[in-house]
Amino acid sequence: METFLQDFRFSLRTLVKHPSTTLIIVLALALGIGANTAIFSLINAVLLRPLPYENPDRLVAVWQTAYARGLARIPVGTGDFYYWKENGKLFEDFALFRDLEVNITGDGDPESIKTAEVTSNFFDLLGVRVPVGRSFRPGEDQAGGAENIVIVSEGLWKQRYGGDPSLLGRQITLDDEGYTVVGILPPRQRLPGLGEFDLFIPAQLTNEDRQIQMRFGYSAIGRLKPGVSEGQALAQLTAMA
């Protein structure tokens, strides 16, 4: 212990005598600690912390390919989506979503907001419970199935509306149209590769969308049935295609 104290006092005197060297050492330590903290935070968020969904190991992304045309990943069309739902026996269900940018006005400065257009089963498939208000109901993603409704993220609720509970049931203006807030989501609702969305609105699909590829540009997620491997699911979808 005495030797350690002597070494410590000697090091301290040396640092005091050479302030420029001391500053460089402190800066190097600060940068090293900061970089390590940032890297750990990223790894913790992306790799270590589980996705905030029910049984996330059974969730899969589904897309199409056309390697002959050099396309490794093609956005999903509505006709294929409904075909998978009706014939994908190894899946509990499929859901569609696509990202949009909408302008929100009122209750503050106009702002461009990252929005997801989703099928009505989107949150049920993920296993996400809406703690304030409700989720989308079956049929609300069909054309004429519901008035303009929206589910708001907790982040936007707190940032733009100060966490005011009276926002539920109120109308907000998106792209100059009124939307009624029916739910407020719990935090950390992220989609891998896409990050967080601030608003969720139901798709407005038609009967024609069920029969043919009326609309493209969607991403699809599926939930495997218990005990089904990704390889089995891929083989079935490949055979269907």
Protein backbone atom coordinates (compact mmCIF):
# COMPACT_ATOMS: atom_id res chain seq x y z
CA MET A 1 0.00 0.00 0.00
CA GLU A 2 2.85 2.37 0.85
CA THR A 3 4.50 1.71 -2.53
CA PHE A 4 1.20 2.43 -4.29
CA LEU A 5 0.82 5.77 -2.44
CA GLN A 6 4.38 6.77 -3.35
CA ASP A 7 3.77 5.96 -7.02
CA PHE A 8 0.45 7.85 -6.95
CA ARG A 9 2.08 10.99 -5.42
CA PHE A 10 4.90 10.83 -7.97
CA SER A 11 2.44 10.52 -10.87
CA LEU A 12 0.37 13.40 -9.52
CA ARG A 13 3.42 15.69 -9.25
CA THR A 14 4.48 14.75 -12.77
CA LEU A 15 1.04 15.60 -14.17
CA VAL A 16 1.01 18.97 -12.36
CA LYS A 17 4.45 19.86 -13.76
CA HIS A 18 3.33 19.06 -17.34
CA PRO A 19 -0.21 20.49 -17.78
CA SER A 20 -0.23 20.10 -21.59
CA THR A 21 0.54 16.39 -21.31
CA THR A 22 -2.07 16.07 -18.59
CA LEU A 23 -4.67 17.70 -20.84
CA ILE A 24 -3.88 15.30 -23.70
CA ILE A 25 -4.17 12.29 -21.37
CA VAL A 26 -7.52 13.49 -19.97
CA LEU A 27 -8.89 14.14 -23.46
CA ALA A 28 -7.75 10.71 -24.67
CA LEU A 29 -9.43 9.04 -21.70
CA ALA A 30 -12.61 11.03 -22.23
CA LEU A 31 -12.76 10.15 -25.93
CA GLY A 32 -12.06 6.48 -25.22
CA ILE A 33 -14.71 6.25 -22.50
CA GLY A 34 -17.22 8.17 -24.64
CA ALA A 35 -16.64 5.97 -27.70
CA ASN A 36 -16.95 2.78 -25.67
CA THR A 37 -20.14 4.03 -24.04
CA ALA A 38 -21.65 4.93 -27.43
CA ILE A 39 -20.70 1.56 -28.94
CA PHE A 40 -22.14 -0.32 -25.97
CA SER A 41 -25.35 1.73 -26.12
CA LEU A 42 -25.75 0.86 -29.81
CA ILE A 43 -25.05 -2.85 -29.28
CA ASN A 44 -27.37 -2.92 -26.28
CA ALA A 45 -30.20 -1.30 -28.23
CA VAL A 46 -29.76 -3.31 -31.43
CA LEU A 47 -28.43 -6.70 -30.34
CA LEU A 48 -28.75 -7.28 -26.60
CA ARG A 49 -32.06 -5.69 -25.66
CA PRO A 50 -34.92 -7.85 -26.95
CA LEU A 51 -37.48 -6.35 -29.30
CA PRO A 52 -40.50 -5.10 -27.32
CA TYR A 53 -42.82 -7.61 -28.97
CA GLU A 54 -44.46 -10.84 -27.94
CA ASN A 55 -42.28 -13.88 -28.85
CA PRO A 56 -40.06 -11.82 -31.20
CA ASP A 57 -38.16 -14.95 -32.30
CA ARG A 58 -41.25 -15.99 -34.28
CA LEU A 59 -41.50 -12.71 -36.21
CA VAL A 60 -40.06 -12.68 -39.73
CA ALA A 61 -39.77 -10.15 -42.53
CA VAL A 62 -41.17 -11.36 -45.84
CA TRP A 63 -40.28 -10.02 -49.28
CA GLN A 64 -40.05 -11.16 -52.86
CA THR A 65 -37.09 -11.50 -55.20
CA ALA A 66 -36.37 -11.41 -58.93
CA TYR A 67 -32.72 -12.36 -59.23
CA ALA A 68 -32.98 -12.65 -63.02
CA ARG A 69 -33.60 -8.91 -63.07
CA GLY A 70 -31.02 -8.20 -60.38
CA LEU A 71 -33.62 -7.53 -57.69
CA ALA A 72 -32.83 -9.15 -54.35
CA ARG A 73 -35.71 -7.59 -52.45
CA ILE A 74 -39.01 -6.39 -53.92
CA PRO A 75 -41.71 -4.56 -51.96
CA VAL A 76 -44.86 -6.61 -51.46
CA GLY A 77 -48.06 -6.19 -53.47
CA THR A 78 -51.50 -6.45 -51.94
CA GLY A 79 -52.57 -9.44 -54.07
CA ASP A 80 -49.65 -11.57 -52.85
CA PHE A 81 -50.27 -10.47 -49.27
CA TYR A 82 -53.84 -11.77 -49.27
CA TYR A 83 -52.72 -14.98 -51.01
CA TRP A 84 -50.19 -15.59 -48.24
CA LYS A 85 -52.78 -14.92 -45.56
CA GLU A 86 -55.17 -17.45 -47.06
CA ASN A 87 -52.62 -20.17 -47.91
CA GLY A 88 -49.61 -19.72 -45.61
CA LYS A 89 -50.46 -22.60 -43.27
CA LEU A 90 -47.19 -22.35 -41.33
CA PHE A 91 -47.92 -18.76 -40.31
CA GLU A 92 -50.31 -17.45 -37.70
CA ASP A 93 -50.82 -14.30 -39.72
CA PHE A 94 -49.25 -11.63 -41.94
CA ALA A 95 -49.41 -7.84 -41.71
CA LEU A 96 -48.49 -5.05 -44.13
CA PHE A 97 -47.00 -1.63 -43.49
CA ARG A 98 -45.34 1.14 -45.44
CA ASP A 99 -43.69 4.35 -44.31
CA LEU A 100 -45.02 7.75 -45.27
CA GLU A 101 -44.24 11.36 -44.47
CA VAL A 102 -47.25 13.48 -43.49
CA ASN A 103 -47.45 17.10 -42.43
CA ILE A 104 -49.00 17.78 -39.05
CA THR A 105 -50.39 21.22 -38.27
CA GLY A 106 -52.04 22.81 -35.26
CA ASP A 107 -50.88 22.67 -31.63
CA GLY A 108 -47.48 24.01 -32.64
CA ASP A 109 -45.37 24.62 -35.72
CA PRO A 110 -46.06 22.58 -38.88
CA GLU A 111 -43.93 19.46 -38.88
CA SER A 112 -43.16 16.54 -41.19
CA ILE A 113 -43.91 13.34 -39.26
CA LYS A 114 -42.75 9.78 -39.97
CA THR A 115 -45.94 7.75 -40.34
CA ALA A 116 -46.73 4.09 -40.95
CA GLU A 117 -49.75 2.97 -42.94
CA VAL A 118 -50.63 -0.49 -41.61
CA THR A 119 -53.19 -3.26 -41.85
CA SER A 120 -55.56 -3.40 -38.89
CA ASN A 121 -53.93 -6.55 -37.45
CA PHE A 122 -50.49 -4.94 -37.29
CA PHE A 123 -50.29 -4.43 -33.52
CA ASP A 124 -52.04 -7.71 -32.73
CA LEU A 125 -49.51 -9.59 -34.86
CA LEU A 126 -46.62 -7.91 -33.03
CA GLY A 127 -48.26 -8.55 -29.67
CA VAL A 128 -48.28 -4.84 -28.81
CA ARG A 129 -50.96 -3.70 -26.40
CA VAL A 130 -52.11 -0.08 -26.66
CA PRO A 131 -52.19 1.14 -23.03
CA VAL A 132 -54.11 4.37 -23.68
CA GLY A 133 -57.16 4.05 -25.92
CA ARG A 134 -57.36 1.13 -28.33
CA SER A 135 -55.70 -0.59 -31.25
CA PHE A 136 -57.13 -0.73 -34.76
CA ARG A 137 -60.15 -3.00 -35.17
CA PRO A 138 -60.77 -5.60 -37.88
CA GLY A 139 -62.11 -3.98 -41.04
CA GLU A 140 -60.75 -0.51 -40.28
CA ASP A 141 -58.08 -1.08 -42.94
CA GLN A 142 -60.75 -1.56 -45.62
CA ALA A 143 -61.91 1.29 -47.83
CA GLY A 144 -64.89 2.90 -46.14
CA GLY A 145 -64.36 0.79 -43.01
CA ALA A 146 -63.69 3.71 -40.69
CA GLU A 147 -63.40 7.45 -40.48
CA ASN A 148 -59.90 8.93 -40.46
CA ILE A 149 -58.28 7.58 -37.30
CA VAL A 150 -54.69 7.57 -36.01
CA ILE A 151 -52.61 6.03 -33.23
CA VAL A 152 -49.92 8.31 -31.79
CA SER A 153 -46.52 7.32 -30.42
CA GLU A 154 -45.70 8.13 -26.82
CA GLY A 155 -42.77 10.26 -28.01
CA LEU A 156 -44.91 12.54 -30.19
CA TRP A 157 -47.63 12.66 -27.53
CA LYS A 158 -45.18 14.00 -24.96
CA GLN A 159 -43.12 16.19 -27.29
CA ARG A 160 -45.90 17.94 -29.21
CA TYR A 161 -48.84 17.65 -26.82
CA GLY A 162 -47.08 17.66 -23.45
CA GLY A 163 -48.52 14.26 -22.52
CA ASP A 164 -52.01 15.75 -22.32
CA PRO A 165 -54.43 12.84 -21.71
CA SER A 166 -57.24 14.78 -23.39
CA LEU A 167 -55.53 14.14 -26.76
CA LEU A 168 -57.35 10.79 -26.86
CA GLY A 169 -60.56 11.29 -28.84
CA ARG A 170 -59.44 14.66 -30.22
CA GLN A 171 -58.80 15.44 -33.86
CA ILE A 172 -55.38 16.33 -35.22
CA THR A 173 -54.70 17.66 -38.71
CA LEU A 174 -52.60 15.56 -41.07
CA ASP A 175 -52.07 16.80 -44.64
CA ASP A 176 -55.00 19.19 -44.13
CA GLU A 177 -57.38 16.38 -43.09
CA GLY A 178 -58.78 15.69 -39.63
CA TYR A 179 -57.83 12.42 -37.90
CA THR A 180 -59.27 11.24 -34.59
CA VAL A 181 -56.72 9.93 -32.08
CA VAL A 182 -57.92 6.50 -30.90
CA GLY A 183 -54.79 5.26 -29.12
CA ILE A 184 -51.39 6.18 -27.67
CA LEU A 185 -48.61 3.61 -27.90
CA PRO A 186 -46.13 2.46 -25.24
CA PRO A 187 -42.49 3.57 -25.75
CA ARG A 188 -39.79 1.87 -27.86
CA GLN A 189 -41.96 0.70 -30.73
CA ARG A 190 -39.20 0.26 -33.28
CA LEU A 191 -39.07 -1.73 -36.50
CA PRO A 192 -35.62 -3.09 -37.41
CA GLY A 193 -34.10 -1.06 -40.23
CA LEU A 194 -36.82 1.58 -40.09
CA GLY A 195 -36.59 2.93 -36.55
CA GLU A 196 -39.46 4.56 -34.75
CA PHE A 197 -42.69 5.89 -36.24
CA ASP A 198 -44.59 8.81 -34.74
CA LEU A 199 -48.02 8.04 -36.18
CA PHE A 200 -49.88 4.96 -37.39
CA ILE A 201 -52.88 5.11 -39.73
CA PRO A 202 -54.87 2.17 -41.14
CA ALA A 203 -54.50 1.28 -44.82
CA GLN A 204 -57.60 1.67 -46.95
CA LEU A 205 -57.62 -1.51 -49.04
CA THR A 206 -60.32 -2.37 -51.57
CA ASN A 207 -61.83 -5.64 -52.78
CA GLU A 208 -59.77 -5.27 -55.95
CA ASP A 209 -56.61 -5.20 -53.83
CA ARG A 210 -57.39 -8.76 -52.78
CA GLN A 211 -57.53 -10.08 -56.32
CA ILE A 212 -54.67 -8.38 -58.17
CA GLN A 213 -51.52 -6.42 -57.48
CA MET A 214 -53.31 -3.10 -57.18
CA ARG A 215 -50.80 -1.56 -54.80
CA PHE A 216 -47.09 -2.09 -54.29
CA GLY A 217 -44.52 -0.57 -51.96
CA TYR A 218 -45.50 -2.39 -48.77
CA SER A 219 -43.29 -4.31 -46.37
CA ALA A 220 -44.64 -7.51 -44.86
CA ILE A 221 -44.10 -9.22 -41.53
CA GLY A 222 -45.31 -12.65 -40.55
CA ARG A 223 -45.61 -14.58 -37.30
CA LEU A 224 -44.60 -18.23 -37.48
CA LYS A 225 -46.69 -20.84 -35.74
CA PRO A 226 -45.02 -22.44 -32.69
CA GLY A 227 -42.37 -24.98 -33.67
CA VAL A 228 -42.07 -23.80 -37.29
CA SER A 229 -38.55 -22.94 -38.44
CA GLU A 230 -37.63 -20.14 -40.81
CA GLY A 231 -36.40 -22.76 -43.30
CA GLN A 232 -39.77 -24.51 -43.33
CA ALA A 233 -41.59 -21.21 -43.80
CA LEU A 234 -39.26 -20.16 -46.61
CA ALA A 235 -39.76 -23.47 -48.39
CA GLN A 236 -43.54 -23.11 -48.21
CA LEU A 237 -43.55 -19.50 -49.48
CA THR A 238 -41.13 -20.42 -52.28
CA ALA A 239 -43.43 -23.24 -53.39
CA MET A 240 -46.43 -20.88 -53.26
CA ALA A 241 -44.58 -18.32 -55.37
